Protein backbone atom coordinates (compact mmCIF):
# COMPACT_ATOMS: atom_id res chain seq x y z
CA UNK A 1 95.12 8.61 70.38
CA UNK A 2 92.86 5.05 70.24
CA UNK A 3 95.05 1.78 69.42
CA UNK A 4 94.24 -0.39 66.21
CA UNK A 5 93.24 -4.04 67.35
CA UNK A 6 96.94 -4.85 66.07
CA UNK A 7 98.24 -2.98 68.12
CA UNK A 8 96.51 -4.24 71.43
CA UNK A 9 97.12 -7.43 70.04
CA UNK A 10 100.88 -7.23 69.66
CA UNK A 11 100.38 -5.55 73.22
CA UNK A 12 98.53 -8.63 74.57
CA UNK A 13 100.89 -11.28 72.97
CA UNK A 14 104.23 -9.02 74.82
CA UNK A 15 102.47 -9.23 78.34
CA UNK A 16 101.42 -12.57 78.04
CA UNK A 17 104.78 -13.51 77.14
CA UNK A 18 106.36 -11.54 79.91
CA UNK A 19 103.93 -13.22 82.34
CA UNK A 20 105.07 -16.53 80.89
CA UNK A 21 109.05 -16.04 81.41
CA UNK A 22 108.19 -14.86 84.97
CA UNK A 23 106.11 -17.78 86.11
CA UNK A 24 109.08 -20.45 84.41
CA UNK A 25 111.61 -18.22 86.85
CA UNK A 26 109.85 -19.08 89.88
CA UNK A 27 109.15 -22.67 88.87
CA UNK A 28 112.46 -23.08 88.52
CA UNK A 29 112.38 -23.59 84.71
CA UNK A 30 113.46 -20.13 83.30
CA UNK A 31 117.17 -21.18 82.22
CA UNK A 32 120.64 -22.06 83.72
CA UNK A 33 121.79 -18.09 83.57
CA UNK A 34 118.73 -16.68 85.84
CA UNK A 35 120.60 -15.25 89.11
CA UNK A 36 124.00 -15.90 88.20
CA UNK A 37 127.07 -13.81 89.17
CA UNK A 38 130.19 -13.14 87.55
CA UNK A 39 133.17 -14.00 89.38
CA UNK A 40 135.46 -11.10 90.37
CA UNK A 41 138.64 -12.47 88.40
CA UNK A 42 137.49 -15.53 85.60
CA UNK A 43 134.22 -13.45 85.10
CA UNK A 44 132.51 -17.00 84.75
CA UNK A 45 128.72 -16.87 85.29
CA UNK A 46 128.15 -18.86 88.95
CA UNK A 47 125.63 -20.00 91.00
CA UNK A 48 127.89 -19.85 94.57
CA UNK A 49 130.91 -17.35 95.24
CA UNK A 50 132.78 -16.70 98.13
CA UNK A 51 133.30 -12.94 99.11
CA UNK A 52 136.77 -12.40 100.20
CA UNK A 53 139.67 -9.60 100.31
CA UNK A 54 142.67 -10.75 98.19
CA UNK A 55 145.26 -7.97 98.18
CA UNK A 56 146.42 -5.13 99.92
CA UNK A 57 143.92 -2.75 98.47
CA UNK A 58 140.86 -4.76 100.80
CA UNK A 59 138.39 -4.43 98.62
CA UNK A 60 135.96 -7.22 98.57
CA UNK A 61 135.94 -9.69 95.69
CA UNK A 62 133.45 -12.22 94.66
CA UNK A 63 135.34 -15.55 93.55
CA UNK A 64 134.46 -19.17 92.35
CA UNK A 65 135.45 -22.07 93.79
CA UNK A 66 138.50 -22.33 91.47
CA UNK A 67 139.47 -18.63 91.68
CA UNK A 68 139.06 -19.04 95.57
CA UNK A 69 141.56 -21.74 95.86
CA UNK A 70 144.38 -19.80 94.24
CA UNK A 71 143.33 -16.62 96.06
CA UNK A 72 143.34 -18.30 99.53
CA UNK A 73 145.65 -21.34 99.19
CA UNK A 74 143.07 -23.63 100.43
CA UNK A 75 142.75 -22.28 103.77
CA UNK A 76 139.22 -20.93 104.57
CA UNK A 77 140.95 -18.40 107.28
CA UNK A 78 144.30 -17.81 104.85
CA UNK A 79 147.89 -18.35 106.26
CA UNK A 80 150.91 -16.98 105.79
CA UNK A 81 151.31 -17.35 102.40
CA UNK A 82 148.32 -15.27 102.05
CA UNK A 83 148.48 -11.80 104.19
CA UNK A 84 145.59 -9.93 102.59
CA UNK A 85 143.27 -13.00 102.49
CA UNK A 86 140.26 -12.34 104.38
CA UNK A 87 137.16 -14.50 104.59
CA UNK A 88 133.57 -12.43 104.44
CA UNK A 89 131.20 -15.41 103.39
CA UNK A 90 129.31 -17.23 100.25
CA UNK A 91 126.50 -15.56 98.09
CA UNK A 92 124.51 -18.63 96.87
CA UNK A 93 121.84 -18.24 93.89
CA UNK A 94 118.82 -19.29 94.76
CA UNK A 95 116.55 -19.10 91.50
């Protein structure tokens, strides 16, 4: 079925706004929350997370700096006080 002029204009405007949003994201001007991930414990959106295990389940968690200090005791390699802690690297938001 052929589109009306109004439908074409709406589609064109939607496409233009999508392109503008992508362009801003590429330039680093898109928004503060683009690319962020939530901390497993506190659910705050962060640009930098530490991947680690913190309990007997040995499941990997992504923790923000504050939660990481509590889980690891502030020691990168863990200690006797945190027997289930294991460091697994950093995740950084590159957007």
